[in-house]
Protein backbone atom coordinates (compact mmCIF):
# COMPACT_ATOMS: atom_id res chain seq x y z
CA MET A 1 -37.36 67.86 -36.23
CA LYS A 2 -38.36 67.65 -39.86
CA LYS A 3 -35.00 65.91 -40.76
CA ALA A 4 -35.57 63.43 -37.86
CA GLU A 5 -39.10 62.74 -38.83
CA ASP A 6 -37.93 62.13 -42.61
CA LYS A 7 -35.44 59.65 -41.38
CA ARG A 8 -38.00 57.90 -39.22
CA GLN A 9 -40.40 57.64 -42.13
CA LYS A 10 -37.78 56.26 -44.37
CA ALA A 11 -36.62 53.71 -41.99
CA ALA A 12 -40.25 52.66 -41.47
CA GLY A 13 -40.61 52.40 -45.33
CA ARG A 14 -37.63 50.24 -45.84
CA CYS A 15 -38.47 47.62 -43.24
CA PRO A 16 -41.94 46.26 -44.63
CA GLY A 17 -40.46 45.88 -48.00
CA LEU A 18 -37.31 43.93 -46.81
CA ARG A 19 -39.38 41.52 -44.72
CA GLY A 20 -41.60 41.00 -47.64
CA ARG A 21 -38.84 39.91 -49.93
CA TRP A 22 -37.45 37.61 -47.10
CA PHE A 23 -40.88 35.97 -46.91
CA LEU A 24 -41.37 35.60 -50.78
CA GLN A 25 -38.08 33.52 -50.74
CA GLY A 26 -39.00 31.39 -47.73
CA LEU A 27 -42.68 30.58 -48.16
CA GLY A 28 -43.82 31.44 -51.50
CA LEU A 29 -45.50 34.45 -53.42
CA GLY A 30 -48.98 34.47 -51.54
CA LEU A 31 -47.55 34.21 -48.16
CA GLY A 32 -44.88 36.94 -48.77
CA LEU A 33 -47.51 39.22 -50.14
CA GLY A 34 -49.76 38.63 -47.34
CA LEU A 35 -47.15 39.73 -44.80
CA LEU A 36 -46.06 42.57 -46.82
CA LEU A 37 -49.67 43.84 -46.83
CA PHE A 38 -49.95 43.66 -43.00
CA THR A 39 -46.58 44.90 -41.93
CA GLY A 40 -47.19 48.26 -43.35
CA LEU A 41 -50.62 48.85 -41.70
CA PRO A 42 -50.76 51.27 -38.75
CA ALA A 43 -51.51 49.93 -35.27
CA GLN A 44 -55.19 49.34 -34.66
CA THR A 45 -57.20 48.49 -31.67
CA THR A 46 -58.18 44.94 -32.53
CA PRO A 47 -59.73 41.99 -30.30
CA PRO A 48 -56.77 40.11 -28.84
CA GLN A 49 -58.03 36.54 -29.46
CA VAL A 50 -59.77 34.97 -32.37
CA SER A 51 -61.90 31.92 -32.86
CA ILE A 52 -60.87 29.48 -35.84
CA SER A 53 -63.37 26.65 -36.92
CA GLY A 54 -63.70 24.45 -40.01
CA GLN A 55 -64.16 20.97 -41.28
CA VAL A 56 -61.85 18.14 -42.53
CA ARG A 57 -63.47 17.19 -45.67
CA VAL A 58 -62.74 13.71 -46.55
CA PRO A 59 -63.46 12.17 -50.28
CA GLU A 60 -66.04 9.38 -50.86
CA GLY A 61 -64.95 5.91 -49.40
CA VAL A 62 -62.89 7.56 -46.60
CA SER A 63 -64.52 7.86 -43.16
CA VAL A 64 -63.63 9.80 -40.19
CA PRO A 65 -63.10 7.62 -36.94
CA GLU A 66 -65.95 7.87 -34.34
CA ALA A 67 -63.30 9.59 -31.92
CA GLY A 68 -62.63 12.03 -34.49
CA LEU A 69 -59.31 13.45 -35.97
CA SER A 70 -56.44 15.15 -34.27
CA VAL A 71 -56.17 18.80 -35.70
CA VAL A 72 -53.40 21.41 -34.93
CA LEU A 73 -52.99 25.01 -35.69
CA LEU A 74 -49.47 25.97 -36.91
CA GLN A 75 -48.10 29.44 -37.09
CA TYR A 76 -45.40 30.61 -39.52
CA VAL A 77 -43.32 33.69 -38.55
CA LEU A 78 -40.03 35.63 -40.00
CA THR A 79 -37.14 35.02 -37.60
CA GLU A 80 -34.45 37.86 -37.20
CA GLU A 81 -32.32 36.31 -39.77
CA GLY A 82 -35.04 36.67 -42.35
CA GLN A 83 -35.99 32.82 -42.32
CA VAL A 84 -39.49 31.77 -42.32
CA THR A 85 -40.13 29.16 -39.69
CA THR A 86 -42.93 27.44 -37.57
CA THR A 87 -43.06 28.34 -33.95
CA GLY A 88 -44.79 25.13 -33.06
CA PRO A 89 -48.32 24.19 -32.58
CA GLN A 90 -50.62 27.23 -31.55
CA ALA A 91 -53.40 25.12 -30.51
CA ARG A 92 -54.46 21.30 -30.48
CA GLY A 93 -57.97 19.89 -30.85
CA GLN A 94 -60.10 17.05 -31.83
CA SER A 95 -62.77 17.03 -34.44
CA ASP A 96 -66.13 15.30 -34.24
CA GLU A 97 -67.02 12.30 -36.43
CA SER A 98 -68.00 14.59 -39.16
CA GLY A 99 -64.73 16.37 -39.28
CA LEU A 100 -65.89 19.58 -37.57
CA PHE A 101 -63.26 21.30 -35.31
CA ARG A 102 -62.78 24.74 -33.55
CA PHE A 103 -60.12 26.55 -31.90
CA GLU A 104 -61.10 29.10 -29.22
CA ASN A 105 -59.19 32.14 -27.71
CA VAL A 106 -56.25 31.89 -30.20
CA PRO A 107 -53.88 34.98 -29.70
CA ARG A 108 -53.96 37.25 -32.71
CA ASN A 109 -50.82 37.85 -34.68
CA GLU A 110 -51.47 39.80 -37.75
CA ARG A 111 -47.95 39.35 -38.90
CA ALA A 112 -47.99 35.66 -38.90
CA ALA A 113 -49.51 33.03 -41.37
CA TYR A 114 -51.36 30.01 -40.13
CA ARG A 115 -52.19 26.40 -41.54
CA VAL A 116 -54.57 23.85 -39.84
CA GLY A 117 -53.06 20.33 -40.33
CA THR A 118 -54.33 16.82 -39.66
CA ARG A 119 -53.49 13.25 -40.38
CA VAL A 120 -55.85 10.89 -42.43
CA GLU A 121 -55.13 7.41 -43.18
CA GLY A 122 -51.39 7.90 -42.03
CA LYS A 123 -50.85 10.85 -44.32
CA LEU A 124 -50.45 14.48 -43.43
CA HIS A 125 -52.66 17.11 -44.82
CA SER A 126 -53.00 20.80 -44.30
CA SER A 127 -55.23 23.72 -45.16
CA GLU A 128 -54.15 26.75 -47.28
CA LEU A 129 -52.28 29.39 -45.71
CA PHE A 130 -54.35 32.07 -44.20
CA PHE A 131 -53.66 35.31 -42.12
CA LEU A 132 -55.81 36.63 -39.09
CA ARG A 133 -57.05 39.79 -40.71
CA PRO A 134 -57.80 42.81 -38.52
CA GLY A 135 -61.47 43.67 -37.94
CA GLN A 136 -62.43 40.06 -38.02
CA ASP A 137 -62.56 37.66 -35.05
CA VAL A 138 -64.06 34.53 -36.57
CA PHE A 139 -62.40 32.62 -39.24
CA VAL A 140 -63.74 29.39 -40.99
CA ILE A 141 -60.78 27.17 -42.59
CA ASP A 142 -61.42 23.75 -44.16
CA VAL A 143 -58.90 21.11 -44.68
CA VAL A 144 -59.74 19.33 -48.00
CA ILE A 145 -58.53 15.62 -48.28
CA PRO A 146 -58.06 15.12 -52.06
CA GLU A 147 -60.08 12.12 -53.96
CA MET A 148 -58.37 8.93 -54.42
CA SER A 149 -57.96 6.84 -57.78
CA THR A 150 -56.43 3.60 -58.78
CA ASP A 151 -55.87 4.73 -62.40
CA THR A 152 -52.15 4.15 -62.58
CA SER A 153 -52.12 5.34 -66.14
CA GLN A 154 -52.07 8.78 -64.97
CA LEU A 155 -48.67 8.22 -63.58
CA SER A 156 -45.57 8.57 -65.62
CA VAL A 157 -41.76 8.99 -65.01
CA ALA A 158 -40.88 12.65 -65.85
CA GLU A 159 -37.37 12.34 -65.01
CA SER A 160 -34.82 9.36 -64.26
CA SER A 161 -31.40 9.74 -62.80
CA LEU A 162 -28.74 7.10 -62.51
CA VAL A 163 -25.92 7.94 -60.05
CA LEU A 164 -22.92 5.43 -60.65
CA GLU A 165 -20.53 5.04 -57.78
CA PRO A 166 -17.47 2.65 -57.55
CA VAL A 167 -17.26 0.00 -54.84
CA ILE A 168 -14.88 -2.87 -54.59
CA GLY A 169 -15.72 -5.24 -57.44
CA GLY A 170 -18.84 -3.46 -58.76
CA LEU A 171 -20.97 -0.55 -59.24
CA ARG A 172 -23.25 0.96 -56.60
CA VAL A 173 -26.30 2.52 -58.59
CA THR A 174 -28.65 5.05 -57.11
CA GLU A 175 -31.84 5.55 -59.12
CA VAL A 176 -34.08 8.60 -58.64
CA LEU A 177 -37.59 8.49 -60.49
CA SER A 178 -39.54 11.66 -60.56
CA ILE A 179 -43.05 10.47 -61.08
CA ALA A 180 -45.62 12.97 -62.50
CA ASN A 181 -49.36 12.53 -61.74
CA LYS A 182 -51.63 13.73 -64.38
CA ALA A 183 -54.71 13.01 -62.45
CA GLU A 184 -56.65 15.71 -60.32
CA THR A 185 -56.80 13.00 -57.60
CA ARG A 186 -54.17 11.06 -55.48
CA VAL A 187 -53.40 7.64 -57.07
CA ASP A 188 -53.15 4.48 -55.11
CA THR A 189 -50.86 1.83 -56.84
CA HIS A 190 -51.44 -1.04 -54.13
CA LYS A 191 -53.73 -3.11 -56.39
CA GLN A 192 -51.93 -2.14 -59.61
CA PRO A 193 -48.32 -1.48 -58.88
CA LEU A 194 -45.85 0.66 -60.73
CA SER A 195 -43.30 -1.81 -62.14
CA PHE A 196 -39.77 -1.19 -62.89
CA GLN A 197 -36.97 -3.63 -64.02
CA LEU A 198 -33.65 -3.57 -62.44
CA PRO A 199 -30.33 -4.71 -64.22
CA GLU A 200 -29.44 -8.43 -64.23
CA HIS A 201 -27.36 -9.68 -61.35
CA ALA A 202 -28.46 -6.53 -59.26
CA GLU A 203 -28.00 -7.23 -55.60
CA SER A 204 -28.20 -5.60 -52.18
CA PHE A 205 -31.48 -3.82 -52.98
CA ARG A 206 -32.88 -1.11 -50.75
CA MET A 207 -35.25 1.69 -50.92
CA LEU A 208 -34.18 5.22 -49.76
CA ASN A 209 -37.69 6.83 -49.12
CA ALA A 210 -39.00 7.33 -45.76
CA LYS A 211 -41.14 4.28 -44.53
CA SER A 212 -39.82 2.49 -47.58
CA GLU A 213 -40.25 -1.03 -46.11
CA SER A 214 -43.87 -1.28 -46.91
CA GLY A 215 -43.93 0.67 -50.02
CA PHE A 216 -42.56 -1.94 -52.53
CA ARG A 217 -42.25 -5.59 -53.54
CA LEU A 218 -39.10 -6.97 -55.16
CA GLN A 219 -39.63 -10.18 -57.32
CA GLY A 220 -36.24 -11.12 -58.97
CA THR A 221 -35.27 -8.02 -60.57
CA ARG A 222 -38.86 -6.72 -61.04
CA LEU A 223 -39.36 -3.83 -58.69
CA GLU A 224 -43.19 -2.99 -57.69
CA ILE A 225 -44.02 0.24 -56.20
CA THR A 226 -47.18 0.05 -53.95
CA ARG A 227 -48.05 3.52 -52.30
CA ILE A 228 -50.50 6.42 -52.86
CA PHE A 229 -48.88 9.21 -54.80
CA PRO A 230 -50.07 12.80 -54.08
CA ARG A 231 -51.61 15.05 -56.74
CA GLU A 232 -48.35 16.87 -57.22
CA GLY A 233 -46.38 13.50 -57.91
CA ALA A 234 -43.28 12.30 -55.85
CA GLN A 235 -40.03 11.03 -56.21
CA VAL A 236 -38.88 7.29 -55.64
CA LEU A 237 -35.52 6.52 -54.51
CA PHE A 238 -33.65 3.14 -54.43
CA GLN A 239 -30.29 1.68 -54.55
CA TYR A 240 -28.40 -1.54 -55.50
CA SER A 241 -25.18 -2.99 -56.56
CA VAL A 242 -24.17 -4.74 -59.69
CA PRO A 243 -20.97 -6.84 -59.77
CA ALA A 244 -18.01 -6.44 -62.08
CA ARG A 245 -15.00 -8.39 -62.99
CA PHE A 246 -11.38 -7.06 -63.66
CA GLY A 247 -12.43 -3.43 -63.14
CA SER A 248 -14.86 -3.02 -65.96
CA MET A 249 -18.54 -3.91 -66.97
CA THR A 250 -21.34 -3.05 -69.23
CA LEU A 251 -24.29 -1.85 -67.16
CA ARG A 252 -27.68 -2.73 -69.06
CA LYS A 253 -30.53 -0.82 -67.55
CA PRO A 254 -34.16 -1.60 -68.82
CA VAL A 255 -36.20 1.45 -69.25
CA ASN A 256 -39.97 1.84 -70.14
CA HIS A 257 -39.82 5.39 -71.07
CA SER A 258 -37.84 7.62 -73.57
CA LEU A 259 -34.07 7.82 -72.93
CA GLU A 260 -34.40 11.57 -73.33
CA ARG A 261 -35.63 11.50 -69.79
CA VAL A 262 -32.44 9.78 -68.31
CA GLY A 263 -29.65 11.31 -66.69
CA VAL A 264 -26.34 9.63 -65.73
CA PHE A 265 -24.05 10.89 -62.96
CA THR A 266 -20.46 9.91 -61.90
CA PRO A 267 -18.12 11.19 -59.53
CA SER A 268 -15.49 13.15 -61.46
CA GLU A 269 -12.23 11.55 -62.35
CA VAL A 270 -13.05 8.25 -61.00
CA LEU A 271 -15.05 6.06 -63.37
CA THR A 272 -14.84 6.00 -67.38
CA VAL A 273 -18.33 5.99 -68.98
CA ARG A 274 -19.05 5.33 -72.74
CA SER A 275 -22.37 4.78 -74.34
CA GLU A 276 -23.52 5.73 -77.95
CA GLN A 277 -26.97 6.44 -76.17
CA LEU A 278 -25.69 9.26 -74.09
CA THR A 279 -24.48 12.86 -74.64
CA PHE A 280 -21.81 14.42 -72.20
CA HIS A 281 -23.40 17.44 -70.53
CA GLY A 282 -20.29 18.73 -68.54
CA GLU A 283 -19.64 18.64 -64.72
CA GLN A 284 -21.83 19.94 -61.72
CA THR A 285 -21.78 20.01 -58.12
CA ILE A 286 -24.29 17.81 -56.20
CA ASP A 287 -24.21 17.90 -52.45
CA LYS A 288 -20.50 19.25 -52.26
CA THR A 289 -19.44 16.39 -54.80
CA ARG A 290 -18.38 17.16 -58.21
CA PHE A 291 -20.01 14.76 -60.70
CA ARG A 292 -19.89 14.35 -64.49
CA SER A 293 -23.18 14.20 -66.15
CA TRP A 294 -24.60 12.64 -69.39
CA ARG A 295 -27.99 12.81 -71.03
CA GLY A 296 -29.84 10.18 -72.93
CA LYS A 297 -30.54 10.77 -76.62
CA ALA A 298 -33.92 10.57 -78.11
CA SER A 299 -34.80 7.04 -78.44
CA ASP A 300 -37.60 4.18 -77.81
CA GLU A 301 -34.91 1.47 -77.12
CA ALA A 302 -36.05 -0.43 -74.15
CA VAL A 303 -32.38 -0.97 -72.72
CA LEU A 304 -29.74 1.67 -71.82
CA GLU A 305 -26.16 0.10 -72.30
CA ILE A 306 -23.27 1.81 -70.65
CA ALA A 307 -19.85 0.68 -70.62
CA VAL A 308 -17.99 1.42 -67.25
CA SER A 309 -14.33 0.98 -66.40
CA GLY A 310 -12.16 2.19 -63.56
CA ILE A 311 -13.90 -0.02 -61.14
CA PRO A 312 -11.74 -0.90 -57.95
CA VAL A 313 -10.96 -4.62 -58.49
CA ASP A 314 -11.85 -7.29 -55.97
CA SER A 315 -8.90 -9.20 -55.02
CA GLN A 316 -10.52 -12.46 -55.22
CA ASP A 317 -10.76 -11.98 -58.94
CA TYR A 318 -7.07 -12.29 -59.12
CA GLY A 319 -7.08 -14.90 -56.63
CA TRP A 320 -9.27 -17.07 -59.09
CA PHE A 321 -6.96 -16.16 -61.76
CA GLY A 322 -3.91 -17.08 -60.18
CA PHE A 323 -5.33 -20.41 -59.05
CA ALA A 324 -6.41 -21.12 -62.78
CA LEU A 325 -2.96 -20.21 -63.84
CA LEU A 326 -1.51 -22.50 -61.40
CA ILE A 327 -3.65 -25.33 -62.74
CA VAL A 328 -2.63 -24.62 -66.24
CA LEU A 329 1.09 -24.60 -65.29
CA ALA A 330 0.62 -27.90 -63.47
CA GLY A 331 -1.14 -29.35 -66.55
CA ALA A 332 1.78 -28.00 -68.60
CA VAL A 333 4.60 -29.44 -66.42
CA ALA A 334 2.70 -33.00 -66.46
CA VAL A 335 2.30 -33.00 -70.12
CA PHE A 336 5.98 -32.00 -70.37
CA TYR A 337 7.18 -34.81 -68.19
CA ARG A 338 4.94 -37.33 -69.88
CA PHE A 339 6.42 -36.62 -73.29
CA ARG A 340 9.96 -36.62 -72.07
CA LEU A 341 9.38 -39.97 -70.17
CA ARG A 342 7.95 -41.34 -73.70
CA ALA A 343 11.18 -39.95 -75.45
CA VAL A 344 13.52 -41.71 -72.89
CA GLN A 345 11.70 -45.08 -73.21
CA ALA A 346 11.95 -44.81 -77.01
CA VAL A 347 15.76 -44.35 -76.69
CA ALA A 348 16.20 -47.04 -74.36
């Protein structure tokens, strides 16, 4: 009996630690520690349901609609495979015009974590993670919407990546800009857009971010980003093509930050890249594709120049070349016969 009891206790001791480690990987340190704390507690007699209330706190200048805001209670649990997932909305509700909301008769699950979420001005916002602790049946949770600023000087490019891929007759360039926000608030760039310059002759431009059709303006080769950047910053992704002739070109990319922040990537064994402004950094795999990578050298130069060869040639290039060659040959034949005719006339 004692051995059986020892086995049972060891098994019970292993389970909480293992679940805690899985949760740490899935949802972060705070959530993992919370689950680790509660999974080890003995069973208690607790109220089966709880009440959750709070307020959506909006910054100055932002108003809550008269009909209120839709609010939802989300639950996060650990699956049998050890993955953190949400089981869907546990409750839905509507706040009043001051942002106050309440969820009644919420089933208690002490092994889960929760968030309250809402949407303000088209953006999703949520509360901090919380647990339904034992011995407590009323919880007050606020959703705090961060303040808004228009000071775009608080935004800067922390990292810039150029992915160069060959297409027939040119290069397809994908730019990924990691934008850092030094402000303690969100930053709105609609009145003062972030501006970036595309290479000369760039064409077929498109944004790759979700809902990108309303987040930018393109004036010639000047790209203006007009959106709200969150406190933690965000990425801006876009793509364009640059034409090339006879399989090679020099890409001249204007930059408004140090070249040290620029990374260049090309599929391995496809393109040849040369630049005195770059240092080769080896190969790496991105999304199952092997890429060669370069890093910009420390410099304040305003243009990054990259010589690229190995680009598939457009047959039209050779078509024009052949047409030009025919014209030259025809001219040479005409000149030949003209001089020959003069020579014959002189002899006669």
